[in-house]
Amino acid sequence: MLLNYDFFRNALIAVVLLSIASAIIGTYIVSRRLVSISGGVTHACFGGLGLGYYLGVSPIAMAALFAIASSLGVQWMSARHRVREDSAIAVIWAIGMAIGTLFIFLTPGYVPELNSFLFGNILTISRADLWAFLIFTGILILFMALMRHTVMICAFDPDFARVRGLRVGLISTIMTVMVAVCIVLTIRLVGVMLLMSMLALPQMTAEVFVRRFGSIMWLSAVISLLCSVTGLFLATVIEVPCSSLIVLTMATVYILARICGALRNKA
């Protein structure tokens, strides 16, 4: 019985937490058309990983610093210096990858666990990783439960939000930091290369059937959970990296959803 193994139970708990957190964060970035920033921050994290290995400190902690700094940097450049957001993302993407490559090369000896950060290995999730993700998910759920309407107003109509006296800059900064932290914590699960799909495919699938922000969030959480559990169990049979199977399962569900949506519109 697979559930008798600690590593499999940890992986199962991890996909549940990931499904909830990625549904909230993913719905926010997809609705605001910020999927590209998640890709930029994800690859900027590679710079933190490389620097962490070179300095002999926690790679995850350094990746978190890089993620938060890069995401706030994009926001600052686009807001204060009128730099196009896609241009700013391209800059931090390239700089992060270059810094990571440089310090990985300078690190003496073989860099341990680098493949797990690049491609993900959900079966290596530890109790410490679970606790970190549980605390973050709890904070994220509490924040969205209390501030969901405020976040939506600030995200989709900032001018109206300012007229109402809402602190648009503060709310945007908090959500930017939340996105960055979620990206860093999720790297351990699916890796740098596959993370963006986890934050976009379930939401894109949900948008085929529903349109409201809250409905997309709930449906994408269900889709993400079902696809993640399916990919996890398939990996025990096919014996290939489960992170790739999870994303391929999500991609298959999205294609089927688009076909169903097209047939429904024809009917």
C-alpha atoms as a PDB file:
ATOM      1  CA  MET A   1       0.000   0.000   0.000  1.00  0.00           C
ATOM      2  CA  LEU A   2       1.540   3.278  -1.142  1.00  0.00           C
ATOM      3  CA  LEU A   3       0.074   5.254   1.756  1.00  0.00           C
ATOM      4  CA  ASN A   4       2.183   3.199   4.164  1.00  0.00           C
ATOM      5  CA  TYR A   5       5.277   5.053   2.942  1.00  0.00           C
ATOM      6  CA  ASP A   6       6.106   8.414   4.529  1.00  0.00           C
ATOM      7  CA  PHE A   7       7.502   9.903   1.316  1.00  0.00           C
ATOM      8  CA  PHE A   8       4.286   9.144  -0.587  1.00  0.00           C
ATOM      9  CA  ARG A   9       2.082  10.580   2.174  1.00  0.00           C
ATOM     10  CA  ASN A  10       4.247  13.718   2.191  1.00  0.00           C
ATOM     11  CA  ALA A  11       3.889  13.993  -1.592  1.00  0.00           C
ATOM     12  CA  LEU A  12       0.105  13.588  -1.357  1.00  0.00           C
ATOM     13  CA  ILE A  13      -0.184  16.281   1.305  1.00  0.00           C
ATOM     14  CA  ALA A  14       2.076  18.510  -0.775  1.00  0.00           C
ATOM     15  CA  VAL A  15      -0.119  18.290  -3.877  1.00  0.00           C
ATOM     16  CA  VAL A  16      -3.188  19.202  -1.803  1.00  0.00           C
ATOM     17  CA  LEU A  17      -1.464  22.301  -0.407  1.00  0.00           C
ATOM     18  CA  LEU A  18      -0.036  23.165  -3.806  1.00  0.00           C
ATOM     19  CA  SER A  19      -3.440  22.872  -5.465  1.00  0.00           C
ATOM     20  CA  ILE A  20      -4.962  25.337  -3.008  1.00  0.00           C
ATOM     21  CA  ALA A  21      -2.110  27.858  -3.110  1.00  0.00           C
ATOM     22  CA  SER A  22      -1.619  27.706  -6.879  1.00  0.00           C
ATOM     23  CA  ALA A  23      -5.375  28.107  -7.425  1.00  0.00           C
ATOM     24  CA  ILE A  24      -5.395  31.389  -5.474  1.00  0.00           C
ATOM     25  CA  ILE A  25      -2.151  32.779  -6.864  1.00  0.00           C
ATOM     26  CA  GLY A  26      -2.751  31.417 -10.365  1.00  0.00           C
ATOM     27  CA  THR A  27      -6.232  32.921 -10.590  1.00  0.00           C
ATOM     28  CA  TYR A  28      -4.822  36.303  -9.593  1.00  0.00           C
ATOM     29  CA  ILE A  29      -1.997  36.313 -12.147  1.00  0.00           C
ATOM     30  CA  VAL A  30      -4.096  34.833 -14.978  1.00  0.00           C
ATOM     31  CA  SER A  31      -6.937  37.297 -14.366  1.00  0.00           C
ATOM     32  CA  ARG A  32      -4.462  40.190 -14.383  1.00  0.00           C
ATOM     33  CA  ARG A  33      -2.596  38.731 -17.369  1.00  0.00           C
ATOM     34  CA  LEU A  34       0.620  38.467 -15.375  1.00  0.00           C
ATOM     35  CA  VAL A  35       1.512  34.879 -16.288  1.00  0.00           C
ATOM     36  CA  SER A  36       4.725  36.087 -17.903  1.00  0.00           C
ATOM     37  CA  ILE A  37       5.906  37.655 -14.636  1.00  0.00           C
ATOM     38  CA  SER A  38       5.671  34.272 -12.941  1.00  0.00           C
ATOM     39  CA  GLY A  39       7.970  32.881 -15.625  1.00  0.00           C
ATOM     40  CA  GLY A  40      10.405  35.743 -15.146  1.00  0.00           C
ATOM     41  CA  VAL A  41      10.457  35.402 -11.362  1.00  0.00           C
ATOM     42  CA  THR A  42      10.781  31.623 -11.649  1.00  0.00           C
ATOM     43  CA  HIS A  43      13.905  31.897 -13.772  1.00  0.00           C
ATOM     44  CA  ALA A  44      15.264  34.754 -11.662  1.00  0.00           C
ATOM     45  CA  CYS A  45      15.133  32.307  -8.715  1.00  0.00           C
ATOM     46  CA  PHE A  46      17.861  30.325 -10.447  1.00  0.00           C
ATOM     47  CA  GLY A  47      20.244  33.156  -9.618  1.00  0.00           C
ATOM     48  CA  GLY A  48      19.404  32.776  -5.937  1.00  0.00           C
ATOM     49  CA  LEU A  49      19.893  29.021  -6.094  1.00  0.00           C
ATOM     50  CA  GLY A  50      23.332  29.404  -7.656  1.00  0.00           C
ATOM     51  CA  LEU A  51      24.409  32.099  -5.198  1.00  0.00           C
ATOM     52  CA  GLY A  52      23.140  30.032  -2.271  1.00  0.00           C
ATOM     53  CA  TYR A  53      25.190  27.010  -3.309  1.00  0.00           C
ATOM     54  CA  TYR A  54      28.271  29.160  -3.884  1.00  0.00           C
ATOM     55  CA  LEU A  55      28.030  30.870  -0.479  1.00  0.00           C
ATOM     56  CA  GLY A  56      27.098  27.664   1.327  1.00  0.00           C
ATOM     57  CA  VAL A  57      23.779  29.047   2.618  1.00  0.00           C
ATOM     58  CA  SER A  58      20.213  27.851   2.080  1.00  0.00           C
ATOM     59  CA  PRO A  59      19.486  27.906  -1.675  1.00  0.00           C
ATOM     60  CA  ILE A  60      15.755  28.243  -0.994  1.00  0.00           C
ATOM     61  CA  ALA A  61      16.296  31.293   1.241  1.00  0.00           C
ATOM     62  CA  MET A  62      18.455  32.951  -1.419  1.00  0.00           C
ATOM     63  CA  ALA A  63      15.938  32.039  -4.127  1.00  0.00           C
ATOM     64  CA  ALA A  64      13.217  33.668  -2.023  1.00  0.00           C
ATOM     65  CA  LEU A  65      15.231  36.886  -1.765  1.00  0.00           C
ATOM     66  CA  PHE A  66      15.832  36.898  -5.524  1.00  0.00           C
ATOM     67  CA  ALA A  67      12.167  36.176  -6.247  1.00  0.00           C
ATOM     68  CA  ILE A  68      10.848  38.967  -4.023  1.00  0.00           C
ATOM     69  CA  ALA A  69      13.482  41.446  -5.235  1.00  0.00           C
ATOM     70  CA  SER A  70      12.871  40.641  -8.905  1.00  0.00           C
ATOM     71  CA  SER A  71       9.073  40.799  -8.669  1.00  0.00           C
ATOM     72  CA  LEU A  72       9.181  44.111  -6.794  1.00  0.00           C
ATOM     73  CA  GLY A  73      11.777  45.314  -9.289  1.00  0.00           C
ATOM     74  CA  VAL A  74       9.436  44.655 -12.209  1.00  0.00           C
ATOM     75  CA  GLN A  75       6.620  46.460 -10.417  1.00  0.00           C
ATOM     76  CA  TRP A  76       8.885  49.425  -9.615  1.00  0.00           C
ATOM     77  CA  MET A  77      10.318  49.707 -13.142  1.00  0.00           C
ATOM     78  CA  SER A  78       6.901  49.575 -14.807  1.00  0.00           C
ATOM     79  CA  ALA A  79       5.259  51.979 -12.334  1.00  0.00           C
ATOM     80  CA  ARG A  80       7.986  54.567 -11.753  1.00  0.00           C
ATOM     81  CA  HIS A  81      10.081  54.517 -14.911  1.00  0.00           C
ATOM     82  CA  ARG A  82       7.382  53.585 -17.443  1.00  0.00           C
ATOM     83  CA  VAL A  83       9.334  50.569 -18.629  1.00  0.00           C
ATOM     84  CA  ARG A  84       7.100  48.091 -20.431  1.00  0.00           C
ATOM     85  CA  GLU A  85       6.356  45.179 -18.133  1.00  0.00           C
ATOM     86  CA  ASP A  86       7.379  42.540 -20.663  1.00  0.00           C
ATOM     87  CA  SER A  87      10.724  44.318 -21.168  1.00  0.00           C
ATOM     88  CA  ALA A  88      11.365  44.449 -17.423  1.00  0.00           C
ATOM     89  CA  ILE A  89      10.500  40.743 -17.116  1.00  0.00           C
ATOM     90  CA  ALA A  90      12.933  39.888 -19.922  1.00  0.00           C
ATOM     91  CA  VAL A  91      15.692  41.770 -18.091  1.00  0.00           C
ATOM     92  CA  ILE A  92      15.261  40.009 -14.739  1.00  0.00           C
ATOM     93  CA  TRP A  93      14.776  36.656 -16.504  1.00  0.00           C
ATOM     94  CA  ALA A  94      18.115  36.990 -18.289  1.00  0.00           C
ATOM     95  CA  ILE A  95      19.999  38.415 -15.293  1.00  0.00           C
ATOM     96  CA  GLY A  96      18.709  35.705 -12.941  1.00  0.00           C
ATOM     97  CA  MET A  97      19.686  32.870 -15.273  1.00  0.00           C
ATOM     98  CA  ALA A  98      23.097  34.452 -15.939  1.00  0.00           C
ATOM     99  CA  ILE A  99      23.862  34.886 -12.220  1.00  0.00           C
ATOM    100  CA  GLY A 100      22.733  31.331 -11.473  1.00  0.00           C
ATOM    101  CA  THR A 101      24.843  29.856 -14.255  1.00  0.00           C
ATOM    102  CA  LEU A 102      27.888  31.875 -13.135  1.00  0.00           C
ATOM    103  CA  PHE A 103      27.768  30.812  -9.490  1.00  0.00           C
ATOM    104  CA  ILE A 104      26.867  27.196 -10.279  1.00  0.00           C
ATOM    105  CA  PHE A 105      30.000  27.093 -12.448  1.00  0.00           C
ATOM    106  CA  LEU A 106      32.128  28.707  -9.708  1.00  0.00           C
ATOM    107  CA  THR A 107      30.867  26.358  -6.994  1.00  0.00           C
ATOM    108  CA  PRO A 108      33.545  23.696  -6.413  1.00  0.00           C
ATOM    109  CA  GLY A 109      32.512  20.071  -6.894  1.00  0.00           C
ATOM    110  CA  TYR A 110      29.132  18.689  -7.833  1.00  0.00           C
ATOM    111  CA  VAL A 111      26.107  20.807  -6.912  1.00  0.00           C
ATOM    112  CA  PRO A 112      23.705  18.549  -4.978  1.00  0.00           C
ATOM    113  CA  GLU A 113      19.969  18.463  -5.677  1.00  0.00           C
ATOM    114  CA  LEU A 114      20.234  20.886  -8.601  1.00  0.00           C
ATOM    115  CA  ASN A 115      18.111  18.640 -10.818  1.00  0.00           C
ATOM    116  CA  SER A 116      15.335  18.604  -8.222  1.00  0.00           C
ATOM    117  CA  PHE A 117      15.188  22.396  -8.335  1.00  0.00           C
ATOM    118  CA  LEU A 118      15.241  22.474 -12.135  1.00  0.00           C
ATOM    119  CA  PHE A 119      12.849  19.610 -12.851  1.00  0.00           C
ATOM    120  CA  GLY A 120      11.240  18.919  -9.481  1.00  0.00           C
ATOM    121  CA  ASN A 121      10.931  15.773  -7.419  1.00  0.00           C
ATOM    122  CA  ILE A 122       7.826  15.805  -5.319  1.00  0.00           C
ATOM    123  CA  LEU A 123       8.754  12.486  -3.706  1.00  0.00           C
ATOM    124  CA  THR A 124      11.663  14.156  -1.879  1.00  0.00           C
ATOM    125  CA  ILE A 125       9.441  16.611  -0.001  1.00  0.00           C
ATOM    126  CA  SER A 126      10.365  16.718   3.678  1.00  0.00           C
ATOM    127  CA  ARG A 127       8.274  17.521   6.740  1.00  0.00           C
ATOM    128  CA  ALA A 128      10.009  20.901   6.966  1.00  0.00           C
ATOM    129  CA  ASP A 129       8.939  21.700   3.385  1.00  0.00           C
ATOM    130  CA  LEU A 130       5.370  20.715   4.226  1.00  0.00           C
ATOM    131  CA  TRP A 131       5.278  22.913   7.323  1.00  0.00           C
ATOM    132  CA  ALA A 132       6.640  25.881   5.366  1.00  0.00           C
ATOM    133  CA  PHE A 133       4.042  25.430   2.629  1.00  0.00           C
ATOM    134  CA  LEU A 134       1.255  24.848   5.171  1.00  0.00           C
ATOM    135  CA  ILE A 135       2.060  28.099   6.985  1.00  0.00           C
ATOM    136  CA  PHE A 136       2.210  30.025   3.718  1.00  0.00           C
ATOM    137  CA  THR A 137      -1.049  28.498   2.457  1.00  0.00           C
ATOM    138  CA  GLY A 138      -2.777  29.334   5.740  1.00  0.00           C
ATOM    139  CA  ILE A 139      -1.606  32.973   5.559  1.00  0.00           C
ATOM    140  CA  LEU A 140      -2.668  33.183   1.909  1.00  0.00           C
ATOM    141  CA  ILE A 141      -6.155  31.765   2.595  1.00  0.00           C
ATOM    142  CA  LEU A 142      -6.656  34.105   5.569  1.00  0.00           C
ATOM    143  CA  PHE A 143      -5.520  37.146   3.590  1.00  0.00           C
ATOM    144  CA  MET A 144      -7.771  36.356   0.628  1.00  0.00           C
ATOM    145  CA  ALA A 145     -10.733  35.576   2.877  1.00  0.00           C
ATOM    146  CA  LEU A 146     -10.429  38.997   4.510  1.00  0.00           C
ATOM    147  CA  MET A 147      -9.263  41.070   1.543  1.00  0.00           C
ATOM    148  CA  ARG A 148     -10.581  39.338  -1.601  1.00  0.00           C
ATOM    149  CA  HIS A 149     -12.897  42.147  -2.664  1.00  0.00           C
ATOM    150  CA  THR A 150     -10.235  44.770  -1.962  1.00  0.00           C
ATOM    151  CA  VAL A 151      -7.666  42.813  -3.959  1.00  0.00           C
ATOM    152  CA  MET A 152     -10.094  42.498  -6.884  1.00  0.00           C
ATOM    153  CA  ILE A 153     -10.916  46.225  -6.874  1.00  0.00           C
ATOM    154  CA  CYS A 154      -7.236  47.226  -6.703  1.00  0.00           C
ATOM    155  CA  ALA A 155      -6.319  44.736  -9.423  1.00  0.00           C
ATOM    156  CA  PHE A 156      -9.032  45.474 -11.988  1.00  0.00           C
ATOM    157  CA  ASP A 157      -9.952  49.121 -11.314  1.00  0.00           C
ATOM    158  CA  PRO A 158      -7.103  50.887  -9.482  1.00  0.00           C
ATOM    159  CA  ASP A 159      -8.469  54.376 -10.244  1.00  0.00           C
ATOM    160  CA  PHE A 160     -11.802  53.559  -8.580  1.00  0.00           C
ATOM    161  CA  ALA A 161      -9.895  51.976  -5.675  1.00  0.00           C
ATOM    162  CA  ARG A 162      -7.898  55.193  -5.152  1.00  0.00           C
ATOM    163  CA  VAL A 163     -11.100  57.253  -5.196  1.00  0.00           C
ATOM    164  CA  ARG A 164     -12.437  54.996  -2.433  1.00  0.00           C
ATOM    165  CA  GLY A 165      -9.272  55.596  -0.423  1.00  0.00           C
ATOM    166  CA  LEU A 166      -7.829  52.109  -0.797  1.00  0.00           C
ATOM    167  CA  ARG A 167      -4.052  51.692  -0.667  1.00  0.00           C
ATOM    168  CA  VAL A 168      -3.542  50.277  -4.140  1.00  0.00           C
ATOM    169  CA  GLY A 169       0.263  50.311  -3.955  1.00  0.00           C
ATOM    170  CA  LEU A 170       0.335  48.397  -0.677  1.00  0.00           C
ATOM    171  CA  ILE A 171      -2.159  45.756  -1.842  1.00  0.00           C
ATOM    172  CA  SER A 172      -0.272  45.275  -5.128  1.00  0.00           C
ATOM    173  CA  THR A 173       3.018  44.913  -3.255  1.00  0.00           C
ATOM    174  CA  ILE A 174       1.567  42.332  -0.854  1.00  0.00           C
ATOM    175  CA  MET A 175       0.174  40.267  -3.738  1.00  0.00           C
ATOM    176  CA  THR A 176       3.472  40.553  -5.608  1.00  0.00           C
ATOM    177  CA  VAL A 177       5.333  39.205  -2.577  1.00  0.00           C
ATOM    178  CA  MET A 178       2.755  36.426  -2.192  1.00  0.00           C
ATOM    179  CA  VAL A 179       3.296  35.407  -5.824  1.00  0.00           C
ATOM    180  CA  ALA A 180       7.076  35.393  -5.346  1.00  0.00           C
ATOM    181  CA  VAL A 181       6.947  33.299  -2.163  1.00  0.00           C
ATOM    182  CA  CYS A 182       4.521  30.819  -3.734  1.00  0.00           C
ATOM    183  CA  ILE A 183       6.863  30.422  -6.705  1.00  0.00           C
ATOM    184  CA  VAL A 184       9.859  29.714  -4.460  1.00  0.00           C
ATOM    185  CA  LEU A 185       8.042  27.162  -2.319  1.00  0.00           C
ATOM    186  CA  THR A 186       6.611  25.437  -5.388  1.00  0.00           C
ATOM    187  CA  ILE A 187      10.030  25.039  -7.008  1.00  0.00           C
ATOM    188  CA  ARG A 188      10.712  22.077  -4.716  1.00  0.00           C
ATOM    189  CA  LEU A 189       7.572  20.370  -6.007  1.00  0.00           C
ATOM    190  CA  VAL A 190       7.637  20.807  -9.786  1.00  0.00           C
ATOM    191  CA  GLY A 191      10.920  22.576 -10.510  1.00  0.00           C
ATOM    192  CA  VAL A 192      11.815  25.774 -12.287  1.00  0.00           C
ATOM    193  CA  MET A 193      11.012  24.424 -15.745  1.00  0.00           C
ATOM    194  CA  LEU A 194       7.426  23.314 -15.083  1.00  0.00           C
ATOM    195  CA  LEU A 195       6.217  25.814 -12.493  1.00  0.00           C
ATOM    196  CA  MET A 196       4.516  28.276 -14.826  1.00  0.00           C
ATOM    197  CA  SER A 197       2.206  25.562 -16.140  1.00  0.00           C
ATOM    198  CA  MET A 198       1.022  24.817 -12.601  1.00  0.00           C
ATOM    199  CA  LEU A 199       0.033  28.462 -12.160  1.00  0.00           C
ATOM    200  CA  ALA A 200      -1.768  28.808 -15.488  1.00  0.00           C
ATOM    201  CA  LEU A 201      -3.210  25.577 -16.931  1.00  0.00           C
ATOM    202  CA  PRO A 202      -5.861  24.854 -14.234  1.00  0.00           C
ATOM    203  CA  GLN A 203      -7.079  28.461 -14.387  1.00  0.00           C
ATOM    204  CA  MET A 204      -7.201  28.430 -18.200  1.00  0.00           C
ATOM    205  CA  THR A 205      -9.211  25.217 -18.011  1.00  0.00           C
ATOM    206  CA  ALA A 206     -11.598  26.685 -15.441  1.00  0.00           C
ATOM    207  CA  GLU A 207     -12.145  29.777 -17.607  1.00  0.00           C
ATOM    208  CA  VAL A 208     -13.692  27.572 -20.292  1.00  0.00           C
ATOM    209  CA  PHE A 209     -16.632  26.858 -17.967  1.00  0.00           C
ATOM    210  CA  VAL A 210     -16.872  29.794 -15.508  1.00  0.00           C
ATOM    211  CA  ARG A 211     -16.049  33.507 -15.572  1.00  0.00           C
ATOM    212  CA  ARG A 212     -16.299  34.871 -12.040  1.00  0.00           C
ATOM    213  CA  PHE A 213     -13.069  35.312 -10.053  1.00  0.00           C
ATOM    214  CA  GLY A 214     -14.206  33.196  -7.096  1.00  0.00           C
ATOM    215  CA  SER A 215     -15.617  30.443  -9.320  1.00  0.00           C
ATOM    216  CA  ILE A 216     -12.387  30.226 -11.317  1.00  0.00           C
ATOM    217  CA  MET A 217     -10.439  29.942  -8.076  1.00  0.00           C
ATOM    218  CA  TRP A 218     -12.543  27.086  -6.695  1.00  0.00           C
ATOM    219  CA  LEU A 219     -12.758  25.153  -9.970  1.00  0.00           C
ATOM    220  CA  SER A 220      -9.043  25.519 -10.704  1.00  0.00           C
ATOM    221  CA  ALA A 221      -8.259  24.166  -7.220  1.00  0.00           C
ATOM    222  CA  VAL A 222     -10.345  21.062  -7.957  1.00  0.00           C
ATOM    223  CA  ILE A 223      -8.771  20.622 -11.407  1.00  0.00           C
ATOM    224  CA  SER A 224      -5.268  21.092 -10.030  1.00  0.00           C
ATOM    225  CA  LEU A 225      -5.874  18.603  -7.214  1.00  0.00           C
ATOM    226  CA  LEU A 226      -7.351  15.910  -9.474  1.00  0.00           C
ATOM    227  CA  CYS A 227      -4.592  16.280 -12.082  1.00  0.00           C
ATOM    228  CA  SER A 228      -1.834  16.326  -9.445  1.00  0.00           C
ATOM    229  CA  VAL A 229      -3.099  13.195  -7.703  1.00  0.00           C
ATOM    230  CA  THR A 230      -3.549  11.469 -11.077  1.00  0.00           C
ATOM    231  CA  GLY A 231      -0.011  12.364 -12.128  1.00  0.00           C
ATOM    232  CA  LEU A 232       1.360  11.223  -8.782  1.00  0.00           C
ATOM    233  CA  PHE A 233      -0.268   7.789  -9.027  1.00  0.00           C
ATOM    234  CA  LEU A 234       0.642   7.437 -12.706  1.00  0.00           C
ATOM    235  CA  ALA A 235       4.293   8.007 -11.798  1.00  0.00           C
ATOM    236  CA  THR A 236       4.202   4.905  -9.584  1.00  0.00           C
ATOM    237  CA  VAL A 237       3.143   2.836 -12.612  1.00  0.00           C
ATOM    238  CA  ILE A 238       5.054   4.408 -15.498  1.00  0.00           C
ATOM    239  CA  GLU A 239       8.151   5.249 -13.408  1.00  0.00           C
ATOM    240  CA  VAL A 240       8.884   8.651 -14.905  1.00  0.00           C
ATOM    241  CA  PRO A 241       9.190  12.010 -13.056  1.00  0.00           C
ATOM    242  CA  CYS A 242       5.770  12.759 -11.589  1.00  0.00           C
ATOM    243  CA  SER A 243       6.168  16.531 -12.087  1.00  0.00           C
ATOM    244  CA  SER A 244       6.142  16.058 -15.868  1.00  0.00           C
ATOM    245  CA  LEU A 245       3.149  13.714 -15.643  1.00  0.00           C
ATOM    246  CA  ILE A 246       1.243  16.241 -13.539  1.00  0.00           C
ATOM    247  CA  VAL A 247       1.766  18.992 -16.113  1.00  0.00           C
ATOM    248  CA  LEU A 248       0.984  16.674 -19.043  1.00  0.00           C
ATOM    249  CA  THR A 249      -2.224  15.606 -17.291  1.00  0.00           C
ATOM    250  CA  MET A 250      -3.198  19.258 -16.830  1.00  0.00           C
ATOM    251  CA  ALA A 251      -2.406  19.981 -20.480  1.00  0.00           C
ATOM    252  CA  THR A 252      -4.567  17.025 -21.589  1.00  0.00           C
ATOM    253  CA  VAL A 253      -7.475  18.184 -19.428  1.00  0.00           C
ATOM    254  CA  TYR A 254      -7.133  21.704 -20.848  1.00  0.00           C
ATOM    255  CA  ILE A 255      -7.231  20.426 -24.452  1.00  0.00           C
ATOM    256  CA  LEU A 256     -10.299  18.299 -23.683  1.00  0.00           C
ATOM    257  CA  ALA A 257     -11.951  21.283 -21.982  1.00  0.00           C
ATOM    258  CA  ARG A 258     -11.341  23.461 -25.041  1.00  0.00           C
ATOM    259  CA  ILE A 259     -12.833  20.783 -27.286  1.00  0.00           C
ATOM    260  CA  CYS A 260     -15.884  20.504 -25.015  1.00  0.00           C
ATOM    261  CA  GLY A 261     -16.213  24.292 -24.974  1.00  0.00           C
ATOM    262  CA  ALA A 262     -16.069  24.460 -28.772  1.00  0.00           C
ATOM    263  CA  LEU A 263     -18.683  21.722 -29.132  1.00  0.00           C
ATOM    264  CA  ARG A 264     -20.925  23.463 -26.597  1.00  0.00           C
ATOM    265  CA  ASN A 265     -20.674  26.769 -28.477  1.00  0.00           C
ATOM    266  CA  LYS A 266     -21.540  25.027 -31.753  1.00  0.00           C
ATOM    267  CA  ALA A 267     -24.554  23.367 -30.181  1.00  0.00           C
END
